[in-house]
Amino acid sequence: TVPPPPDMLPYQPIGGAISALCRNPRPR
């Protein structure tokens, strides 16, 4: 048995107010 790869950090989207506004479909 080979050990599984280490868990990756969860995905973090681009930060900032404008990117948060543009990421959500309705406010966009």
mmCIF file of all heavy atoms, coordinates in Angstrom:
data_MODEL
# 
_entry.id   MODEL 
# 
loop_
_atom_site.group_PDB 
_atom_site.id 
_atom_site.type_symbol 
_atom_site.label_atom_id 
_atom_site.label_alt_id 
_atom_site.label_comp_id 
_atom_site.label_asym_id 
_atom_site.label_entity_id 
_atom_site.label_seq_id 
_atom_site.pdbx_PDB_ins_code 
_atom_site.Cartn_x 
_atom_site.Cartn_y 
_atom_site.Cartn_z 
_atom_site.occupancy 
_atom_site.B_iso_or_equiv 
_atom_site.pdbx_formal_charge 
_atom_site.auth_seq_id 
_atom_site.auth_comp_id 
_atom_site.auth_asym_id 
_atom_site.auth_atom_id 
_atom_site.pdbx_PDB_model_num 
ATOM 1   N N   . THR A 1 1  ? 0.833   -1.199 0.000   1.00 0.00 ? 1  THR A N   1 
ATOM 2   C CA  . THR A 1 1  ? 0.000   0.000  0.000   1.00 0.00 ? 1  THR A CA  1 
ATOM 3   C C   . THR A 1 1  ? 0.869   1.249  0.000   1.00 0.00 ? 1  THR A C   1 
ATOM 4   O O   . THR A 1 1  ? 1.789   1.377  0.808   1.00 0.00 ? 1  THR A O   1 
ATOM 5   C CB  . THR A 1 1  ? -0.924  0.014  1.236   1.00 0.00 ? 1  THR A CB  1 
ATOM 6   O OG1 . THR A 1 1  ? -1.737  -1.143 1.186   1.00 0.00 ? 1  THR A OG1 1 
ATOM 7   C CG2 . THR A 1 1  ? -1.797  1.240  1.243   1.00 0.00 ? 1  THR A CG2 1 
ATOM 8   N N   . VAL A 1 2  ? 0.566   2.146  -0.908  1.00 0.00 ? 2  VAL A N   1 
ATOM 9   C CA  . VAL A 1 2  ? 1.244   3.441  -0.978  1.00 0.00 ? 2  VAL A CA  1 
ATOM 10  C C   . VAL A 1 2  ? 0.329   4.463  -0.327  1.00 0.00 ? 2  VAL A C   1 
ATOM 11  O O   . VAL A 1 2  ? -0.871  4.490  -0.607  1.00 0.00 ? 2  VAL A O   1 
ATOM 12  C CB  . VAL A 1 2  ? 1.523   3.820  -2.457  1.00 0.00 ? 2  VAL A CB  1 
ATOM 13  C CG1 . VAL A 1 2  ? 2.116   5.203  -2.565  1.00 0.00 ? 2  VAL A CG1 1 
ATOM 14  C CG2 . VAL A 1 2  ? 2.444   2.801  -3.085  1.00 0.00 ? 2  VAL A CG2 1 
ATOM 15  N N   . PRO A 1 3  ? 0.876   5.312  0.543   1.00 0.00 ? 3  PRO A N   1 
ATOM 16  C CA  . PRO A 1 3  ? 0.002   6.294  1.201   1.00 0.00 ? 3  PRO A CA  1 
ATOM 17  C C   . PRO A 1 3  ? -0.593  7.279  0.195   1.00 0.00 ? 3  PRO A C   1 
ATOM 18  O O   . PRO A 1 3  ? 0.036   7.596  -0.817  1.00 0.00 ? 3  PRO A O   1 
ATOM 19  C CB  . PRO A 1 3  ? 0.928   7.005  2.190   1.00 0.00 ? 3  PRO A CB  1 
ATOM 20  C CG  . PRO A 1 3  ? 2.304   6.753  1.691   1.00 0.00 ? 3  PRO A CG  1 
ATOM 21  C CD  . PRO A 1 3  ? 2.261   5.452  0.954   1.00 0.00 ? 3  PRO A CD  1 
ATOM 22  N N   . PRO A 1 4  ? -1.804  7.764  0.461   1.00 0.00 ? 4  PRO A N   1 
ATOM 23  C CA  . PRO A 1 4  ? -2.423  8.720  -0.468  1.00 0.00 ? 4  PRO A CA  1 
ATOM 24  C C   . PRO A 1 4  ? -1.682  10.057 -0.436  1.00 0.00 ? 4  PRO A C   1 
ATOM 25  O O   . PRO A 1 4  ? -0.951  10.347 0.520   1.00 0.00 ? 4  PRO A O   1 
ATOM 26  C CB  . PRO A 1 4  ? -3.848  8.873  0.073   1.00 0.00 ? 4  PRO A CB  1 
ATOM 27  C CG  . PRO A 1 4  ? -3.755  8.491  1.503   1.00 0.00 ? 4  PRO A CG  1 
ATOM 28  C CD  . PRO A 1 4  ? -2.664  7.474  1.601   1.00 0.00 ? 4  PRO A CD  1 
ATOM 29  N N   . PRO A 1 5  ? -1.858  10.862 -1.479  1.00 0.00 ? 5  PRO A N   1 
ATOM 30  C CA  . PRO A 1 5  ? -1.188  12.164 -1.490  1.00 0.00 ? 5  PRO A CA  1 
ATOM 31  C C   . PRO A 1 5  ? -1.743  13.049 -0.376  1.00 0.00 ? 5  PRO A C   1 
ATOM 32  O O   . PRO A 1 5  ? -2.878  12.861 0.066   1.00 0.00 ? 5  PRO A O   1 
ATOM 33  C CB  . PRO A 1 5  ? -1.524  12.734 -2.874  1.00 0.00 ? 5  PRO A CB  1 
ATOM 34  C CG  . PRO A 1 5  ? -2.745  12.021 -3.302  1.00 0.00 ? 5  PRO A CG  1 
ATOM 35  C CD  . PRO A 1 5  ? -2.683  10.662 -2.655  1.00 0.00 ? 5  PRO A CD  1 
ATOM 36  N N   . PRO A 1 6  ? -0.952  14.004 0.087   1.00 0.00 ? 6  PRO A N   1 
ATOM 37  C CA  . PRO A 1 6  ? -1.456  14.882 1.148   1.00 0.00 ? 6  PRO A CA  1 
ATOM 38  C C   . PRO A 1 6  ? -2.632  15.716 0.646   1.00 0.00 ? 6  PRO A C   1 
ATOM 39  O O   . PRO A 1 6  ? -2.699  16.063 -0.532  1.00 0.00 ? 6  PRO A O   1 
ATOM 40  C CB  . PRO A 1 6  ? -0.248  15.770 1.487   1.00 0.00 ? 6  PRO A CB  1 
ATOM 41  C CG  . PRO A 1 6  ? 0.647   15.680 0.302   1.00 0.00 ? 6  PRO A CG  1 
ATOM 42  C CD  . PRO A 1 6  ? 0.396   14.347 -0.330  1.00 0.00 ? 6  PRO A CD  1 
ATOM 43  N N   . ASP A 1 7  ? -3.545  16.005 1.565   1.00 0.00 ? 7  ASP A N   1 
ATOM 44  C CA  . ASP A 1 7  ? -4.707  16.809 1.201   1.00 0.00 ? 7  ASP A CA  1 
ATOM 45  C C   . ASP A 1 7  ? -4.271  18.222 0.847   1.00 0.00 ? 7  ASP A C   1 
ATOM 46  O O   . ASP A 1 7  ? -3.409  18.806 1.516   1.00 0.00 ? 7  ASP A O   1 
ATOM 47  C CB  . ASP A 1 7  ? -5.711  16.864 2.357   1.00 0.00 ? 7  ASP A CB  1 
ATOM 48  C CG  . ASP A 1 7  ? -6.423  15.541 2.551   1.00 0.00 ? 7  ASP A CG  1 
ATOM 49  O OD1 . ASP A 1 7  ? -6.499  14.767 1.587   1.00 0.00 ? 7  ASP A OD1 1 
ATOM 50  O OD2 . ASP A 1 7  ? -6.894  15.297 3.680   1.00 0.00 ? 7  ASP A OD2 1 
ATOM 51  N N   . MET A 1 8  ? -4.879  18.752 -0.197  1.00 0.00 ? 8  MET A N   1 
ATOM 52  C CA  . MET A 1 8  ? -4.589  20.130 -0.602  1.00 0.00 ? 8  MET A CA  1 
ATOM 53  C C   . MET A 1 8  ? -5.499  21.074 0.166   1.00 0.00 ? 8  MET A C   1 
ATOM 54  O O   . MET A 1 8  ? -6.567  20.690 0.630   1.00 0.00 ? 8  MET A O   1 
ATOM 55  C CB  . MET A 1 8  ? -4.811  20.285 -2.114  1.00 0.00 ? 8  MET A CB  1 
ATOM 56  C CG  . MET A 1 8  ? -3.847  19.486 -2.941  1.00 0.00 ? 8  MET A CG  1 
ATOM 57  S SD  . MET A 1 8  ? -4.161  19.626 -4.715  1.00 0.00 ? 8  MET A SD  1 
ATOM 58  C CE  . MET A 1 8  ? -3.938  21.351 -5.007  1.00 0.00 ? 8  MET A CE  1 
ATOM 59  N N   . LEU A 1 9  ? -5.056  22.304 0.285   1.00 0.00 ? 9  LEU A N   1 
ATOM 60  C CA  . LEU A 1 9  ? -5.895  23.314 0.911   1.00 0.00 ? 9  LEU A CA  1 
ATOM 61  C C   . LEU A 1 9  ? -7.126  23.527 0.040   1.00 0.00 ? 9  LEU A C   1 
ATOM 62  O O   . LEU A 1 9  ? -7.062  23.384 -1.180  1.00 0.00 ? 9  LEU A O   1 
ATOM 63  C CB  . LEU A 1 9  ? -5.124  24.633 1.048   1.00 0.00 ? 9  LEU A CB  1 
ATOM 64  C CG  . LEU A 1 9  ? -3.915  24.599 1.983   1.00 0.00 ? 9  LEU A CG  1 
ATOM 65  C CD1 . LEU A 1 9  ? -3.170  25.929 1.908   1.00 0.00 ? 9  LEU A CD1 1 
ATOM 66  C CD2 . LEU A 1 9  ? -4.345  24.321 3.400   1.00 0.00 ? 9  LEU A CD2 1 
ATOM 67  N N   . PRO A 1 10 ? -8.260  23.882 0.638   1.00 0.00 ? 10 PRO A N   1 
ATOM 68  C CA  . PRO A 1 10 ? -9.448  24.128 -0.190  1.00 0.00 ? 10 PRO A CA  1 
ATOM 69  C C   . PRO A 1 10 ? -9.222  25.301 -1.145  1.00 0.00 ? 10 PRO A C   1 
ATOM 70  O O   . PRO A 1 10 ? -8.420  26.194 -0.876  1.00 0.00 ? 10 PRO A O   1 
ATOM 71  C CB  . PRO A 1 10 ? -10.552 24.444 0.824   1.00 0.00 ? 10 PRO A CB  1 
ATOM 72  C CG  . PRO A 1 10 ? -9.918  24.489 2.154   1.00 0.00 ? 10 PRO A CG  1 
ATOM 73  C CD  . PRO A 1 10 ? -8.507  24.051 2.050   1.00 0.00 ? 10 PRO A CD  1 
ATOM 74  N N   . TYR A 1 11 ? -9.947  25.255 -2.241  1.00 0.00 ? 11 TYR A N   1 
ATOM 75  C CA  . TYR A 1 11 ? -9.810  26.305 -3.261  1.00 0.00 ? 11 TYR A CA  1 
ATOM 76  C C   . TYR A 1 11 ? -10.241 27.652 -2.696  1.00 0.00 ? 11 TYR A C   1 
ATOM 77  O O   . TYR A 1 11 ? -11.280 27.756 -2.048  1.00 0.00 ? 11 TYR A O   1 
ATOM 78  C CB  . TYR A 1 11 ? -10.660 25.957 -4.491  1.00 0.00 ? 11 TYR A CB  1 
ATOM 79  C CG  . TYR A 1 11 ? -10.665 27.053 -5.521  1.00 0.00 ? 11 TYR A CG  1 
ATOM 80  C CD1 . TYR A 1 11 ? -9.556  27.282 -6.319  1.00 0.00 ? 11 TYR A CD1 1 
ATOM 81  C CD2 . TYR A 1 11 ? -11.763 27.893 -5.671  1.00 0.00 ? 11 TYR A CD2 1 
ATOM 82  C CE1 . TYR A 1 11 ? -9.545  28.286 -7.251  1.00 0.00 ? 11 TYR A CE1 1 
ATOM 83  C CE2 . TYR A 1 11 ? -11.757 28.903 -6.605  1.00 0.00 ? 11 TYR A CE2 1 
ATOM 84  C CZ  . TYR A 1 11 ? -10.645 29.104 -7.394  1.00 0.00 ? 11 TYR A CZ  1 
ATOM 85  O OH  . TYR A 1 11 ? -10.633 30.108 -8.308  1.00 0.00 ? 11 TYR A OH  1 
ATOM 86  N N   . GLN A 1 12 ? -9.428  28.671 -2.933  1.00 0.00 ? 12 GLN A N   1 
ATOM 87  C CA  . GLN A 1 12 ? -9.749  30.034 -2.513  1.00 0.00 ? 12 GLN A CA  1 
ATOM 88  C C   . GLN A 1 12 ? -9.889  30.903 -3.765  1.00 0.00 ? 12 GLN A C   1 
ATOM 89  O O   . GLN A 1 12 ? -8.925  31.079 -4.507  1.00 0.00 ? 12 GLN A O   1 
ATOM 90  C CB  . GLN A 1 12 ? -8.628  30.613 -1.628  1.00 0.00 ? 12 GLN A CB  1 
ATOM 91  C CG  . GLN A 1 12 ? -8.481  29.915 -0.299  1.00 0.00 ? 12 GLN A CG  1 
ATOM 92  C CD  . GLN A 1 12 ? -9.686  30.157 0.595   1.00 0.00 ? 12 GLN A CD  1 
ATOM 93  O OE1 . GLN A 1 12 ? -10.266 31.227 0.584   1.00 0.00 ? 12 GLN A OE1 1 
ATOM 94  N NE2 . GLN A 1 12 ? -10.061 29.140 1.342   1.00 0.00 ? 12 GLN A NE2 1 
ATOM 95  N N   . PRO A 1 13 ? -11.082 31.454 -4.013  1.00 0.00 ? 13 PRO A N   1 
ATOM 96  C CA  . PRO A 1 13 ? -11.233 32.318 -5.191  1.00 0.00 ? 13 PRO A CA  1 
ATOM 97  C C   . PRO A 1 13 ? -10.515 33.648 -4.989  1.00 0.00 ? 13 PRO A C   1 
ATOM 98  O O   . PRO A 1 13 ? -10.072 33.975 -3.882  1.00 0.00 ? 13 PRO A O   1 
ATOM 99  C CB  . PRO A 1 13 ? -12.745 32.524 -5.292  1.00 0.00 ? 13 PRO A CB  1 
ATOM 100 C CG  . PRO A 1 13 ? -13.265 32.245 -3.935  1.00 0.00 ? 13 PRO A CG  1 
ATOM 101 C CD  . PRO A 1 13 ? -12.319 31.274 -3.296  1.00 0.00 ? 13 PRO A CD  1 
ATOM 102 N N   . ILE A 1 14 ? -10.419 34.399 -6.065  1.00 0.00 ? 14 ILE A N   1 
ATOM 103 C CA  . ILE A 1 14 ? -9.776  35.713 -6.027  1.00 0.00 ? 14 ILE A CA  1 
ATOM 104 C C   . ILE A 1 14 ? -10.525 36.589 -5.033  1.00 0.00 ? 14 ILE A C   1 
ATOM 105 O O   . ILE A 1 14 ? -11.752 36.603 -5.013  1.00 0.00 ? 14 ILE A O   1 
ATOM 106 C CB  . ILE A 1 14 ? -9.808  36.363 -7.427  1.00 0.00 ? 14 ILE A CB  1 
ATOM 107 C CG1 . ILE A 1 14 ? -9.081  35.484 -8.428  1.00 0.00 ? 14 ILE A CG1 1 
ATOM 108 C CG2 . ILE A 1 14 ? -9.188  37.746 -7.394  1.00 0.00 ? 14 ILE A CG2 1 
ATOM 109 C CD1 . ILE A 1 14 ? -9.277  35.908 -9.861  1.00 0.00 ? 14 ILE A CD1 1 
ATOM 110 N N   . GLY A 1 15 ? -9.784  37.324 -4.202  1.00 0.00 ? 15 GLY A N   1 
ATOM 111 C CA  . GLY A 1 15 ? -10.410 38.151 -3.177  1.00 0.00 ? 15 GLY A CA  1 
ATOM 112 C C   . GLY A 1 15 ? -10.748 39.549 -3.676  1.00 0.00 ? 15 GLY A C   1 
ATOM 113 O O   . GLY A 1 15 ? -10.404 39.943 -4.777  1.00 0.00 ? 15 GLY A O   1 
ATOM 114 N N   . GLY A 1 16 ? -11.445 40.291 -2.854  1.00 0.00 ? 16 GLY A N   1 
ATOM 115 C CA  . GLY A 1 16 ? -11.792 41.667 -3.169  1.00 0.00 ? 16 GLY A CA  1 
ATOM 116 C C   . GLY A 1 16 ? -13.287 41.843 -3.361  1.00 0.00 ? 16 GLY A C   1 
ATOM 117 O O   . GLY A 1 16 ? -14.017 40.904 -3.674  1.00 0.00 ? 16 GLY A O   1 
ATOM 118 N N   . ALA A 1 17 ? -13.721 43.091 -3.158  1.00 0.00 ? 17 ALA A N   1 
ATOM 119 C CA  . ALA A 1 17 ? -15.148 43.385 -3.250  1.00 0.00 ? 17 ALA A CA  1 
ATOM 120 C C   . ALA A 1 17 ? -15.651 43.290 -4.693  1.00 0.00 ? 17 ALA A C   1 
ATOM 121 O O   . ALA A 1 17 ? -16.736 42.766 -4.942  1.00 0.00 ? 17 ALA A O   1 
ATOM 122 C CB  . ALA A 1 17 ? -15.421 44.777 -2.685  1.00 0.00 ? 17 ALA A CB  1 
ATOM 123 N N   . ILE A 1 18 ? -14.875 43.799 -5.618  1.00 0.00 ? 18 ILE A N   1 
ATOM 124 C CA  . ILE A 1 18 ? -15.320 43.784 -7.016  1.00 0.00 ? 18 ILE A CA  1 
ATOM 125 C C   . ILE A 1 18 ? -15.391 42.354 -7.536  1.00 0.00 ? 18 ILE A C   1 
ATOM 126 O O   . ILE A 1 18 ? -16.342 41.977 -8.223  1.00 0.00 ? 18 ILE A O   1 
ATOM 127 C CB  . ILE A 1 18 ? -14.401 44.651 -7.898  1.00 0.00 ? 18 ILE A CB  1 
ATOM 128 C CG1 . ILE A 1 18 ? -14.565 46.124 -7.514  1.00 0.00 ? 18 ILE A CG1 1 
ATOM 129 C CG2 . ILE A 1 18 ? -14.707 44.454 -9.371  1.00 0.00 ? 18 ILE A CG2 1 
ATOM 130 C CD1 . ILE A 1 18 ? -13.672 47.057 -8.264  1.00 0.00 ? 18 ILE A CD1 1 
ATOM 131 N N   . SER A 1 19 ? -14.401 41.528 -7.176  1.00 0.00 ? 19 SER A N   1 
ATOM 132 C CA  . SER A 1 19 ? -14.437 40.147 -7.655  1.00 0.00 ? 19 SER A CA  1 
ATOM 133 C C   . SER A 1 19 ? -15.589 39.376 -7.010  1.00 0.00 ? 19 SER A C   1 
ATOM 134 O O   . SER A 1 19 ? -16.199 38.532 -7.655  1.00 0.00 ? 19 SER A O   1 
ATOM 135 C CB  . SER A 1 19 ? -13.108 39.451 -7.397  1.00 0.00 ? 19 SER A CB  1 
ATOM 136 O OG  . SER A 1 19 ? -12.883 39.303 -6.023  1.00 0.00 ? 19 SER A OG  1 
ATOM 137 N N   . ALA A 1 20 ? -15.896 39.678 -5.744  1.00 0.00 ? 20 ALA A N   1 
ATOM 138 C CA  . ALA A 1 20 ? -17.039 39.020 -5.105  1.00 0.00 ? 20 ALA A CA  1 
ATOM 139 C C   . ALA A 1 20 ? -18.342 39.433 -5.778  1.00 0.00 ? 20 ALA A C   1 
ATOM 140 O O   . ALA A 1 20 ? -19.241 38.622 -5.967  1.00 0.00 ? 20 ALA A O   1 
ATOM 141 C CB  . ALA A 1 20 ? -17.082 39.363 -3.619  1.00 0.00 ? 20 ALA A CB  1 
ATOM 142 N N   . LEU A 1 21 ? -18.437 40.696 -6.150  1.00 0.00 ? 21 LEU A N   1 
ATOM 143 C CA  . LEU A 1 21 ? -19.623 41.198 -6.848  1.00 0.00 ? 21 LEU A CA  1 
ATOM 144 C C   . LEU A 1 21 ? -19.742 40.560 -8.230  1.00 0.00 ? 21 LEU A C   1 
ATOM 145 O O   . LEU A 1 21 ? -20.829 40.171 -8.650  1.00 0.00 ? 21 LEU A O   1 
ATOM 146 C CB  . LEU A 1 21 ? -19.552 42.726 -6.973  1.00 0.00 ? 21 LEU A CB  1 
ATOM 147 C CG  . LEU A 1 21 ? -20.697 43.409 -7.695  1.00 0.00 ? 21 LEU A CG  1 
ATOM 148 C CD1 . LEU A 1 21 ? -21.934 43.415 -6.806  1.00 0.00 ? 21 LEU A CD1 1 
ATOM 149 C CD2 . LEU A 1 21 ? -20.318 44.819 -8.076  1.00 0.00 ? 21 LEU A CD2 1 
ATOM 150 N N   . CYS A 1 22 ? -18.619 40.440 -8.910  1.00 0.00 ? 22 CYS A N   1 
ATOM 151 C CA  . CYS A 1 22 ? -18.626 39.910 -10.279 1.00 0.00 ? 22 CYS A CA  1 
ATOM 152 C C   . CYS A 1 22 ? -18.736 38.392 -10.325 1.00 0.00 ? 22 CYS A C   1 
ATOM 153 O O   . CYS A 1 22 ? -19.028 37.831 -11.370 1.00 0.00 ? 22 CYS A O   1 
ATOM 154 C CB  . CYS A 1 22 ? -17.368 40.347 -11.018 1.00 0.00 ? 22 CYS A CB  1 
ATOM 155 S SG  . CYS A 1 22 ? -17.290 42.118 -11.301 1.00 0.00 ? 22 CYS A SG  1 
ATOM 156 N N   . ARG A 1 23 ? -18.457 37.702 -9.225  1.00 0.00 ? 23 ARG A N   1 
ATOM 157 C CA  . ARG A 1 23 ? -18.497 36.247 -9.206  1.00 0.00 ? 23 ARG A CA  1 
ATOM 158 C C   . ARG A 1 23 ? -19.915 35.715 -9.088  1.00 0.00 ? 23 ARG A C   1 
ATOM 159 O O   . ARG A 1 23 ? -20.233 34.655 -9.606  1.00 0.00 ? 23 ARG A O   1 
ATOM 160 C CB  . ARG A 1 23 ? -17.653 35.742 -8.038  1.00 0.00 ? 23 ARG A CB  1 
ATOM 161 C CG  . ARG A 1 23 ? -17.293 34.296 -8.146  1.00 0.00 ? 23 ARG A CG  1 
ATOM 162 C CD  . ARG A 1 23 ? -16.379 33.817 -7.037  1.00 0.00 ? 23 ARG A CD  1 
ATOM 163 N NE  . ARG A 1 23 ? -15.175 34.616 -6.916  1.00 0.00 ? 23 ARG A NE  1 
ATOM 164 C CZ  . ARG A 1 23 ? -14.907 35.401 -5.865  1.00 0.00 ? 23 ARG A CZ  1 
ATOM 165 N NH1 . ARG A 1 23 ? -15.733 35.480 -4.863  1.00 0.00 ? 23 ARG A NH1 1 
ATOM 166 N NH2 . ARG A 1 23 ? -13.804 36.098 -5.824  1.00 0.00 ? 23 ARG A NH2 1 
ATOM 167 N N   . ASN A 1 24 ? -20.788 36.448 -8.397  1.00 0.00 ? 24 ASN A N   1 
ATOM 168 C CA  . ASN A 1 24 ? -22.171 36.005 -8.199  1.00 0.00 ? 24 ASN A CA  1 
ATOM 169 C C   . ASN A 1 24 ? -23.027 36.455 -9.374  1.00 0.00 ? 24 ASN A C   1 
ATOM 170 O O   . ASN A 1 24 ? -22.994 37.618 -9.771  1.00 0.00 ? 24 ASN A O   1 
ATOM 171 C CB  . ASN A 1 24 ? -22.718 36.570 -6.894  1.00 0.00 ? 24 ASN A CB  1 
ATOM 172 C CG  . ASN A 1 24 ? -21.937 36.066 -5.700  1.00 0.00 ? 24 ASN A CG  1 
ATOM 173 O OD1 . ASN A 1 24 ? -21.487 34.930 -5.699  1.00 0.00 ? 24 ASN A OD1 1 
ATOM 174 N ND2 . ASN A 1 24 ? -21.750 36.911 -4.712  1.00 0.00 ? 24 ASN A ND2 1 
ATOM 175 N N   . PRO A 1 25 ? -23.819 35.553 -9.953  1.00 0.00 ? 25 PRO A N   1 
ATOM 176 C CA  . PRO A 1 25 ? -24.542 35.863 -11.193 1.00 0.00 ? 25 PRO A CA  1 
ATOM 177 C C   . PRO A 1 25 ? -25.549 37.009 -11.080 1.00 0.00 ? 25 PRO A C   1 
ATOM 178 O O   . PRO A 1 25 ? -25.599 37.878 -11.941 1.00 0.00 ? 25 PRO A O   1 
ATOM 179 C CB  . PRO A 1 25 ? -25.259 34.563 -11.541 1.00 0.00 ? 25 PRO A CB  1 
ATOM 180 C CG  . PRO A 1 25 ? -24.587 33.502 -10.771 1.00 0.00 ? 25 PRO A CG  1 
ATOM 181 C CD  . PRO A 1 25 ? -23.974 34.153 -9.581  1.00 0.00 ? 25 PRO A CD  1 
ATOM 182 N N   . ARG A 1 26 ? -26.346 37.043 -10.031 1.00 0.00 ? 26 ARG A N   1 
ATOM 183 C CA  . ARG A 1 26 ? -27.387 38.059 -9.946  1.00 0.00 ? 26 ARG A CA  1 
ATOM 184 C C   . ARG A 1 26 ? -26.803 39.472 -9.765  1.00 0.00 ? 26 ARG A C   1 
ATOM 185 O O   . ARG A 1 26 ? -27.147 40.377 -10.527 1.00 0.00 ? 26 ARG A O   1 
ATOM 186 C CB  . ARG A 1 26 ? -28.373 37.734 -8.833  1.00 0.00 ? 26 ARG A CB  1 
ATOM 187 C CG  . ARG A 1 26 ? -29.559 38.677 -8.823  1.00 0.00 ? 26 ARG A CG  1 
ATOM 188 C CD  . ARG A 1 26 ? -30.603 38.203 -7.898  1.00 0.00 ? 26 ARG A CD  1 
ATOM 189 N NE  . ARG A 1 26 ? -31.063 36.908 -8.365  1.00 0.00 ? 26 ARG A NE  1 
ATOM 190 C CZ  . ARG A 1 26 ? -32.309 36.508 -8.327  1.00 0.00 ? 26 ARG A CZ  1 
ATOM 191 N NH1 . ARG A 1 26 ? -33.218 37.270 -7.820  1.00 0.00 ? 26 ARG A NH1 1 
ATOM 192 N NH2 . ARG A 1 26 ? -32.658 35.328 -8.774  1.00 0.00 ? 26 ARG A NH2 1 
ATOM 193 N N   . PRO A 1 27 ? -25.914 39.689 -8.791  1.00 0.00 ? 27 PRO A N   1 
ATOM 194 C CA  . PRO A 1 27 ? -25.327 41.040 -8.695  1.00 0.00 ? 27 PRO A CA  1 
ATOM 195 C C   . PRO A 1 27 ? -24.537 41.425 -9.942  1.00 0.00 ? 27 PRO A C   1 
ATOM 196 O O   . PRO A 1 27 ? -24.514 42.591 -10.329 1.00 0.00 ? 27 PRO A O   1 
ATOM 197 C CB  . PRO A 1 27 ? -24.409 40.960 -7.475  1.00 0.00 ? 27 PRO A CB  1 
ATOM 198 C CG  . PRO A 1 27 ? -24.892 39.815 -6.685  1.00 0.00 ? 27 PRO A CG  1 
ATOM 199 C CD  . PRO A 1 27 ? -25.511 38.867 -7.662  1.00 0.00 ? 27 PRO A CD  1 
ATOM 200 N N   . ARG A 1 28 ? -23.896 40.436 -10.581 1.00 0.00 ? 28 ARG A N   1 
ATOM 201 C CA  . ARG A 1 28 ? -23.155 40.733 -11.812 1.00 0.00 ? 28 ARG A CA  1 
ATOM 202 C C   . ARG A 1 28 ? -24.108 41.213 -12.901 1.00 0.00 ? 28 ARG A C   1 
ATOM 203 O O   . ARG A 1 28 ? -23.825 42.179 -13.613 1.00 0.00 ? 28 ARG A O   1 
ATOM 204 C CB  . ARG A 1 28 ? -22.412 39.471 -12.266 1.00 0.00 ? 28 ARG A CB  1 
ATOM 205 C CG  . ARG A 1 28 ? -21.624 39.688 -13.541 1.00 0.00 ? 28 ARG A CG  1 
ATOM 206 C CD  . ARG A 1 28 ? -20.822 38.475 -13.943 1.00 0.00 ? 28 ARG A CD  1 
ATOM 207 N NE  . ARG A 1 28 ? -21.675 37.329 -14.172 1.00 0.00 ? 28 ARG A NE  1 
ATOM 208 C CZ  . ARG A 1 28 ? -21.377 36.095 -13.813 1.00 0.00 ? 28 ARG A CZ  1 
ATOM 209 N NH1 . ARG A 1 28 ? -20.249 35.833 -13.212 1.00 0.00 ? 28 ARG A NH1 1 
ATOM 210 N NH2 . ARG A 1 28 ? -22.204 35.111 -14.068 1.00 0.00 ? 28 ARG A NH2 1 
# 
